[in-house]
PDB file of N, CA and C in Angstrom:
ATOM      1  N   MET A   1       3.943  20.507  29.408  1.00  0.00           N
ATOM      2  CA  MET A   1       4.115  19.536  28.338  1.00  0.00           C
ATOM      3  C   MET A   1       4.572  20.274  27.078  1.00  0.00           C
ATOM      4  N   ILE A   2       5.547  19.721  26.401  1.00  0.00           N
ATOM      5  CA  ILE A   2       6.092  20.360  25.208  1.00  0.00           C
ATOM      6  C   ILE A   2       5.087  20.354  24.069  1.00  0.00           C
ATOM      7  N   TYR A   3       4.384  19.244  23.877  1.00  0.00           N
ATOM      8  CA  TYR A   3       3.412  19.096  22.787  1.00  0.00           C
ATOM      9  C   TYR A   3       2.029  18.805  23.379  1.00  0.00           C
ATOM     10  N   PRO A   4       1.313  19.833  23.788  1.00  0.00           N
ATOM     11  CA  PRO A   4       0.031  19.592  24.469  1.00  0.00           C
ATOM     12  C   PRO A   4      -1.038  18.951  23.578  1.00  0.00           C
ATOM     13  N   ASN A   5      -0.930  19.090  22.272  1.00  0.00           N
ATOM     14  CA  ASN A   5      -1.921  18.523  21.356  1.00  0.00           C
ATOM     15  C   ASN A   5      -1.457  17.217  20.710  1.00  0.00           C
ATOM     16  N   LEU A   6      -0.404  16.636  21.259  1.00  0.00           N
ATOM     17  CA  LEU A   6       0.129  15.394  20.708  1.00  0.00           C
ATOM     18  C   LEU A   6      -0.901  14.276  20.809  1.00  0.00           C
ATOM     19  N   ALA A   7      -1.115  13.592  19.713  1.00  0.00           N
ATOM     20  CA  ALA A   7      -2.012  12.435  19.688  1.00  0.00           C
ATOM     21  C   ALA A   7      -1.207  11.256  19.165  1.00  0.00           C
ATOM     22  N   PRO A   8      -0.528  10.518  20.053  1.00  0.00           N
ATOM     23  CA  PRO A   8       0.306   9.400  19.606  1.00  0.00           C
ATOM     24  C   PRO A   8      -0.539   8.256  19.062  1.00  0.00           C
ATOM     25  N   PRO A   9       0.071   7.404  18.249  1.00  0.00           N
ATOM     26  CA  PRO A   9      -0.667   6.237  17.741  1.00  0.00           C
ATOM     27  C   PRO A   9      -0.957   5.268  18.879  1.00  0.00           C
ATOM     28  N   ARG A  10      -1.899   4.381  18.625  1.00  0.00           N
ATOM     29  CA  ARG A  10      -2.265   3.370  19.611  1.00  0.00           C
ATOM     30  C   ARG A  10      -2.267   2.004  18.933  1.00  0.00           C
ATOM     31  N   PHE A  11      -1.740   1.021  19.621  1.00  0.00           N
ATOM     32  CA  PHE A  11      -1.726  -0.357  19.131  1.00  0.00           C
ATOM     33  C   PHE A  11      -2.560  -1.223  20.068  1.00  0.00           C
ATOM     34  N   GLU A  12      -3.315  -2.154  19.491  1.00  0.00           N
ATOM     35  CA  GLU A  12      -4.046  -3.143  20.276  1.00  0.00           C
ATOM     36  C   GLU A  12      -3.778  -4.520  19.674  1.00  0.00           C
ATOM     37  N   CYS A  13      -3.558  -5.497  20.534  1.00  0.00           N
ATOM     38  CA  CYS A  13      -3.337  -6.870  20.093  1.00  0.00           C
ATOM     39  C   CYS A  13      -4.592  -7.691  20.382  1.00  0.00           C
ATOM     40  N   HIS A  14      -5.061  -8.410  19.368  1.00  0.00           N
ATOM     41  CA  HIS A  14      -6.252  -9.247  19.497  1.00  0.00           C
ATOM     42  C   HIS A  14      -5.939 -10.644  18.975  1.00  0.00           C
ATOM     43  N   ASP A  15      -6.742 -11.606  19.349  1.00  0.00           N
ATOM     44  CA  ASP A  15      -6.633 -12.975  18.843  1.00  0.00           C
ATOM     45  C   ASP A  15      -5.205 -13.509  18.974  1.00  0.00           C
ATOM     46  N   ILE A  16      -4.625 -13.342  20.140  1.00  0.00           N
ATOM     47  CA  ILE A  16      -3.238 -13.752  20.362  1.00  0.00           C
ATOM     48  C   ILE A  16      -3.151 -15.276  20.469  1.00  0.00           C
ATOM     49  N   ALA A  17      -2.288 -15.858  19.660  1.00  0.00           N
ATOM     50  CA  ALA A  17      -2.054 -17.303  19.656  1.00  0.00           C
ATOM     51  C   ALA A  17      -0.552 -17.551  19.844  1.00  0.00           C
ATOM     52  N   ASP A  18      -0.140 -18.792  19.722  1.00  0.00           N
ATOM     53  CA  ASP A  18       1.255 -19.159  19.956  1.00  0.00           C
ATOM     54  C   ASP A  18       2.212 -18.501  18.957  1.00  0.00           C
ATOM     55  N   THR A  19       1.794 -18.372  17.698  1.00  0.00           N
ATOM     56  CA  THR A  19       2.685 -17.791  16.687  1.00  0.00           C
ATOM     57  C   THR A  19       1.979 -16.753  15.809  1.00  0.00           C
ATOM     58  N   SER A  20       0.895 -16.175  16.322  1.00  0.00           N
ATOM     59  CA  SER A  20       0.189 -15.171  15.514  1.00  0.00           C
ATOM     60  C   SER A  20      -0.679 -14.278  16.390  1.00  0.00           C
ATOM     61  N   MET A  21      -1.055 -13.151  15.824  1.00  0.00           N
ATOM     62  CA  MET A  21      -2.005 -12.250  16.469  1.00  0.00           C
ATOM     63  C   MET A  21      -2.517 -11.255  15.433  1.00  0.00           C
ATOM     64  N   SER A  22      -3.559 -10.576  15.805  1.00  0.00           N
ATOM     65  CA  SER A  22      -4.107  -9.503  14.988  1.00  0.00           C
ATOM     66  C   SER A  22      -3.687  -8.196  15.650  1.00  0.00           C
ATOM     67  N   LEU A  23      -2.978  -7.344  14.914  1.00  0.00           N
ATOM     68  CA  LEU A  23      -2.483  -6.078  15.440  1.00  0.00           C
ATOM     69  C   LEU A  23      -3.319  -4.947  14.868  1.00  0.00           C
ATOM     70  N   HIS A  24      -3.959  -4.171  15.736  1.00  0.00           N
ATOM     71  CA  HIS A  24      -4.795  -3.049  15.325  1.00  0.00           C
ATOM     72  C   HIS A  24      -4.025  -1.761  15.593  1.00  0.00           C
ATOM     73  N   TYR A  25      -3.939  -0.917  14.566  1.00  0.00           N
ATOM     74  CA  TYR A  25      -3.146   0.309  14.631  1.00  0.00           C
ATOM     75  C   TYR A  25      -4.058   1.505  14.403  1.00  0.00           C
ATOM     76  N   PHE A  26      -4.122   2.381  15.398  1.00  0.00           N
ATOM     77  CA  PHE A  26      -4.965   3.566  15.341  1.00  0.00           C
ATOM     78  C   PHE A  26      -4.084   4.811  15.305  1.00  0.00           C
ATOM     79  N   THR A  27      -4.272   5.656  14.302  1.00  0.00           N
ATOM     80  CA  THR A  27      -3.526   6.910  14.205  1.00  0.00           C
ATOM     81  C   THR A  27      -4.314   7.883  13.350  1.00  0.00           C
ATOM     82  N   HIS A  28      -4.052   9.159  13.550  1.00  0.00           N
ATOM     83  CA  HIS A  28      -4.678  10.169  12.696  1.00  0.00           C
ATOM     84  C   HIS A  28      -3.742  10.573  11.554  1.00  0.00           C
ATOM     85  N   ARG A  29      -2.511  10.077  11.590  1.00  0.00           N
ATOM     86  CA  ARG A  29      -1.534  10.415  10.552  1.00  0.00           C
ATOM     87  C   ARG A  29      -1.629   9.420   9.386  1.00  0.00           C
ATOM     88  N   PRO A  30      -1.802   9.916   8.183  1.00  0.00           N
ATOM     89  CA  PRO A  30      -1.871   9.014   7.024  1.00  0.00           C
ATOM     90  C   PRO A  30      -0.479   8.555   6.579  1.00  0.00           C
ATOM     91  N   GLY A  31      -0.436   7.414   5.907  1.00  0.00           N
ATOM     92  CA  GLY A  31       0.788   6.983   5.251  1.00  0.00           C
ATOM     93  C   GLY A  31       1.776   6.209   6.082  1.00  0.00           C
ATOM     94  N   LEU A  32       1.414   5.765   7.270  1.00  0.00           N
ATOM     95  CA  LEU A  32       2.375   5.057   8.120  1.00  0.00           C
ATOM     96  C   LEU A  32       2.153   3.547   8.170  1.00  0.00           C
ATOM     97  N   THR A  33       1.269   3.043   7.346  1.00  0.00           N
ATOM     98  CA  THR A  33       0.964   1.611   7.340  1.00  0.00           C
ATOM     99  C   THR A  33       2.209   0.784   7.066  1.00  0.00           C
ATOM    100  N   ASP A  34       2.972   1.141   6.052  1.00  0.00           N
ATOM    101  CA  ASP A  34       4.195   0.393   5.726  1.00  0.00           C
ATOM    102  C   ASP A  34       5.233   0.505   6.837  1.00  0.00           C
ATOM    103  N   PHE A  35       5.216   1.602   7.558  1.00  0.00           N
ATOM    104  CA  PHE A  35       6.121   1.797   8.688  1.00  0.00           C
ATOM    105  C   PHE A  35       5.868   0.733   9.760  1.00  0.00           C
ATOM    106  N   VAL A  36       4.609   0.429  10.013  1.00  0.00           N
ATOM    107  CA  VAL A  36       4.254  -0.593  11.009  1.00  0.00           C
ATOM    108  C   VAL A  36       4.762  -1.962  10.564  1.00  0.00           C
ATOM    109  N   VAL A  37       4.627  -2.271   9.283  1.00  0.00           N
ATOM    110  CA  VAL A  37       5.135  -3.541   8.755  1.00  0.00           C
ATOM    111  C   VAL A  37       6.642  -3.624   9.029  1.00  0.00           C
ATOM    112  N   GLY A  38       7.364  -2.556   8.775  1.00  0.00           N
ATOM    113  CA  GLY A  38       8.805  -2.524   9.022  1.00  0.00           C
ATOM    114  C   GLY A  38       9.158  -2.661  10.490  1.00  0.00           C
ATOM    115  N   ILE A  39       8.362  -2.048  11.359  1.00  0.00           N
ATOM    116  CA  ILE A  39       8.607  -2.168  12.799  1.00  0.00           C
ATOM    117  C   ILE A  39       8.476  -3.628  13.241  1.00  0.00           C
ATOM    118  N   VAL A  40       7.429  -4.297  12.784  1.00  0.00           N
ATOM    119  CA  VAL A  40       7.217  -5.704  13.154  1.00  0.00           C
ATOM    120  C   VAL A  40       8.383  -6.563  12.662  1.00  0.00           C
ATOM    121  N   GLN A  41       8.794  -6.366  11.420  1.00  0.00           N
ATOM    122  CA  GLN A  41       9.916  -7.144  10.881  1.00  0.00           C
ATOM    123  C   GLN A  41      11.204  -6.833  11.631  1.00  0.00           C
ATOM    124  N   GLY A  42      11.424  -5.580  11.953  1.00  0.00           N
ATOM    125  CA  GLY A  42      12.625  -5.184  12.697  1.00  0.00           C
ATOM    126  C   GLY A  42      12.658  -5.773  14.091  1.00  0.00           C
ATOM    127  N   LEU A  43      11.507  -5.801  14.764  1.00  0.00           N
ATOM    128  CA  LEU A  43      11.458  -6.416  16.092  1.00  0.00           C
ATOM    129  C   LEU A  43      11.749  -7.909  16.007  1.00  0.00           C
ATOM    130  N   GLY A  44      11.266  -8.540  14.942  1.00  0.00           N
ATOM    131  CA  GLY A  44      11.571  -9.955  14.741  1.00  0.00           C
ATOM    132  C   GLY A  44      13.067 -10.189  14.619  1.00  0.00           C
ATOM    133  N   LYS A  45      13.733  -9.346  13.846  1.00  0.00           N
ATOM    134  CA  LYS A  45      15.192  -9.473  13.697  1.00  0.00           C
ATOM    135  C   LYS A  45      15.903  -9.211  15.021  1.00  0.00           C
ATOM    136  N   LEU A  46      15.469  -8.177  15.730  1.00  0.00           N
ATOM    137  CA  LEU A  46      16.101  -7.811  16.994  1.00  0.00           C
ATOM    138  C   LEU A  46      16.045  -8.953  17.998  1.00  0.00           C
ATOM    139  N   TYR A  47      14.924  -9.661  18.019  1.00  0.00           N
ATOM    140  CA  TYR A  47      14.734 -10.738  18.975  1.00  0.00           C
ATOM    141  C   TYR A  47      14.918 -12.130  18.380  1.00  0.00           C
ATOM    142  N   ASN A  48      15.568 -12.199  17.214  1.00  0.00           N
ATOM    143  CA  ASN A  48      15.891 -13.481  16.584  1.00  0.00           C
ATOM    144  C   ASN A  48      14.642 -14.360  16.435  1.00  0.00           C
ATOM    145  N   THR A  49      13.538 -13.705  16.089  1.00  0.00           N
ATOM    146  CA  THR A  49      12.256 -14.385  15.923  1.00  0.00           C
ATOM    147  C   THR A  49      11.621 -13.854  14.644  1.00  0.00           C
ATOM    148  N   PRO A  50      11.898 -14.465  13.504  1.00  0.00           N
ATOM    149  CA  PRO A  50      11.373 -13.950  12.239  1.00  0.00           C
ATOM    150  C   PRO A  50       9.872 -13.683  12.311  1.00  0.00           C
ATOM    151  N   ALA A  51       9.480 -12.479  11.880  1.00  0.00           N
ATOM    152  CA  ALA A  51       8.078 -12.071  11.964  1.00  0.00           C
ATOM    153  C   ALA A  51       7.639 -11.408  10.659  1.00  0.00           C
ATOM    154  N   THR A  52       6.366 -11.574  10.353  1.00  0.00           N
ATOM    155  CA  THR A  52       5.772 -10.915   9.194  1.00  0.00           C
ATOM    156  C   THR A  52       4.511 -10.192   9.634  1.00  0.00           C
ATOM    157  N   ALA A  53       4.168  -9.153   8.900  1.00  0.00           N
ATOM    158  CA  ALA A  53       2.929  -8.417   9.149  1.00  0.00           C
ATOM    159  C   ALA A  53       2.259  -8.196   7.800  1.00  0.00           C
ATOM    160  N   ASN A  54       1.110  -8.798   7.614  1.00  0.00           N
ATOM    161  CA  ASN A  54       0.352  -8.633   6.378  1.00  0.00           C
ATOM    162  C   ASN A  54      -0.860  -7.745   6.654  1.00  0.00           C
ATOM    163  N   ILE A  55      -1.072  -6.798   5.767  1.00  0.00           N
ATOM    164  CA  ILE A  55      -2.170  -5.849   5.933  1.00  0.00           C
ATOM    165  C   ILE A  55      -3.497  -6.549   5.651  1.00  0.00           C
ATOM    166  N   VAL A  56      -4.411  -6.457   6.605  1.00  0.00           N
ATOM    167  CA  VAL A  56      -5.733  -7.062   6.482  1.00  0.00           C
ATOM    168  C   VAL A  56      -6.766  -5.990   6.139  1.00  0.00           C
ATOM    169  N   ALA A  57      -6.633  -4.820   6.754  1.00  0.00           N
ATOM    170  CA  ALA A  57      -7.550  -3.706   6.503  1.00  0.00           C
ATOM    171  C   ALA A  57      -6.775  -2.402   6.608  1.00  0.00           C
ATOM    172  N   MET A  58      -7.151  -1.431   5.790  1.00  0.00           N
ATOM    173  CA  MET A  58      -6.461  -0.142   5.790  1.00  0.00           C
ATOM    174  C   MET A  58      -7.448   1.012   5.948  1.00  0.00           C
ATOM    175  N   LYS A  59      -7.057   1.964   6.754  1.00  0.00           N
ATOM    176  CA  LYS A  59      -7.880   3.159   6.946  1.00  0.00           C
ATOM    177  C   LYS A  59      -8.049   3.904   5.632  1.00  0.00           C
ATOM    178  N   THR A  60      -6.989   3.931   4.821  1.00  0.00           N
ATOM    179  CA  THR A  60      -7.056   4.645   3.540  1.00  0.00           C
ATOM    180  C   THR A  60      -7.999   3.967   2.549  1.00  0.00           C
ATOM    181  N   ALA A  61      -8.360   2.708   2.824  1.00  0.00           N
ATOM    182  CA  ALA A  61      -9.292   1.981   1.951  1.00  0.00           C
ATOM    183  C   ALA A  61     -10.702   1.952   2.543  1.00  0.00           C
ATOM    184  N   GLY A  62     -10.912   2.739   3.604  1.00  0.00           N
ATOM    185  CA  GLY A  62     -12.246   2.844   4.174  1.00  0.00           C
ATOM    186  C   GLY A  62     -12.459   2.183   5.519  1.00  0.00           C
ATOM    187  N   ALA A  63     -11.472   1.445   6.004  1.00  0.00           N
ATOM    188  CA  ALA A  63     -11.609   0.813   7.320  1.00  0.00           C
ATOM    189  C   ALA A  63     -11.494   1.870   8.415  1.00  0.00           C
ATOM    190  N   ASP A  64     -11.951   1.542   9.595  1.00  0.00           N
ATOM    191  CA  ASP A  64     -11.870   2.447  10.737  1.00  0.00           C
ATOM    192  C   ASP A  64     -10.420   2.681  11.159  1.00  0.00           C
ATOM    193  N   HIS A  65      -9.578   1.662  10.978  1.00  0.00           N
ATOM    194  CA  HIS A  65      -8.164   1.721  11.341  1.00  0.00           C
ATOM    195  C   HIS A  65      -7.438   0.611  10.590  1.00  0.00           C
ATOM    196  N   ASP A  66      -6.111   0.610  10.664  1.00  0.00           N
ATOM    197  CA  ASP A  66      -5.318  -0.430  10.006  1.00  0.00           C
ATOM    198  C   ASP A  66      -5.291  -1.687  10.874  1.00  0.00           C
ATOM    199  N   ILE A  67      -5.356  -2.840  10.217  1.00  0.00           N
ATOM    200  CA  ILE A  67      -5.272  -4.124  10.916  1.00  0.00           C
ATOM    201  C   ILE A  67      -4.243  -4.986  10.187  1.00  0.00           C
ATOM    202  N   PHE A  68      -3.399  -5.654  10.962  1.00  0.00           N
ATOM    203  CA  PHE A  68      -2.348  -6.502  10.417  1.00  0.00           C
ATOM    204  C   PHE A  68      -2.473  -7.911  10.983  1.00  0.00           C
ATOM    205  N   ALA A  69      -2.215  -8.897  10.144  1.00  0.00           N
ATOM    206  CA  ALA A  69      -2.078 -10.284  10.595  1.00  0.00           C
ATOM    207  C   ALA A  69      -0.588 -10.491  10.834  1.00  0.00           C
ATOM    208  N   VAL A  70      -0.208 -10.640  12.079  1.00  0.00           N
ATOM    209  CA  VAL A  70       1.203 -10.783  12.447  1.00  0.00           C
ATOM    210  C   VAL A  70       1.476 -12.256  12.758  1.00  0.00           C
ATOM    211  N   ASN A  71       2.537 -12.778  12.163  1.00  0.00           N
ATOM    212  CA  ASN A  71       2.950 -14.172  12.379  1.00  0.00           C
ATOM    213  C   ASN A  71       4.438 -14.203  12.675  1.00  0.00           C
ATOM    214  N   TRP A  72       4.846 -15.156  13.489  1.00  0.00           N
ATOM    215  CA  TRP A  72       6.265 -15.296  13.810  1.00  0.00           C
ATOM    216  C   TRP A  72       6.585 -16.760  14.053  1.00  0.00           C
ATOM    217  N   THR A  73       7.879 -17.043  14.037  1.00  0.00           N
ATOM    218  CA  THR A  73       8.346 -18.383  14.373  1.00  0.00           C
ATOM    219  C   THR A  73       9.183 -18.269  15.636  1.00  0.00           C
ATOM    220  N   HIS A  74       9.172 -19.313  16.426  1.00  0.00           N
ATOM    221  CA  HIS A  74       9.957 -19.311  17.657  1.00  0.00           C
ATOM    222  C   HIS A  74      11.419 -19.528  17.303  1.00  0.00           C
ATOM    223  N   PRO A  75      12.318 -18.882  18.036  1.00  0.00           N
ATOM    224  CA  PRO A  75      13.741 -19.137  17.780  1.00  0.00           C
ATOM    225  C   PRO A  75      14.073 -20.598  18.094  1.00  0.00           C
ATOM    226  N   GLU A  76      15.106 -21.060  17.433  1.00  0.00           N
ATOM    227  CA  GLU A  76      15.508 -22.453  17.665  1.00  0.00           C
ATOM    228  C   GLU A  76      15.936 -22.620  19.116  1.00  0.00           C
ATOM    229  N   LYS A  77      15.698 -23.796  19.629  1.00  0.00           N
ATOM    230  CA  LYS A  77      16.030 -24.085  21.022  1.00  0.00           C
ATOM    231  C   LYS A  77      17.524 -23.816  21.259  1.00  0.00           C
ATOM    232  N   GLY A  78      17.800 -23.080  22.310  1.00  0.00           N
ATOM    233  CA  GLY A  78      19.172 -22.776  22.653  1.00  0.00           C
ATOM    234  C   GLY A  78      19.670 -21.474  22.038  1.00  0.00           C
ATOM    235  N   ALA A  79      18.915 -20.880  21.103  1.00  0.00           N
ATOM    236  CA  ALA A  79      19.352 -19.624  20.482  1.00  0.00           C
ATOM    237  C   ALA A  79      19.102 -18.488  21.463  1.00  0.00           C
ATOM    238  N   SER A  80      19.970 -17.496  21.441  1.00  0.00           N
ATOM    239  CA  SER A  80      19.763 -16.349  22.319  1.00  0.00           C
ATOM    240  C   SER A  80      18.683 -15.465  21.733  1.00  0.00           C
ATOM    241  N   VAL A  81      17.865 -14.910  22.598  1.00  0.00           N
ATOM    242  CA  VAL A  81      16.772 -14.027  22.184  1.00  0.00           C
ATOM    243  C   VAL A  81      16.987 -12.681  22.836  1.00  0.00           C
ATOM    244  N   GLY A  82      16.856 -11.621  22.055  1.00  0.00           N
ATOM    245  CA  GLY A  82      16.996 -10.266  22.589  1.00  0.00           C
ATOM    246  C   GLY A  82      18.230  -9.588  22.039  1.00  0.00           C
ATOM    247  N   PRO A  83      18.291  -8.284  22.257  1.00  0.00           N
ATOM    248  CA  PRO A  83      19.429  -7.530  21.744  1.00  0.00           C
ATOM    249  C   PRO A  83      20.719  -7.956  22.446  1.00  0.00           C
ATOM    250  N   ALA A  84      21.782  -7.911  21.692  1.00  0.00           N
ATOM    251  CA  ALA A  84      23.089  -8.300  22.262  1.00  0.00           C
ATOM    252  C   ALA A  84      23.674  -7.195  23.094  1.00  0.00           C
TER     253      ALA A  84
END
């Protein structure tokens, strides 16, 4: 293995509903909270499904890990979904 001590981040999805979920982000690297928000928004654009991620709890503010409230809207009927 090239990086034997690699500790990648971990994501867990909780409270999954039709247009929302709670996204739990575990990492030992500080400062990547905004990066996760951008990833969620970018995935929404990629799949033509507008998405938002609002920070609910932050590790830097004393929480065990970062938690996001993720919401999205379904693409309009007949719209293509996924990368072109």
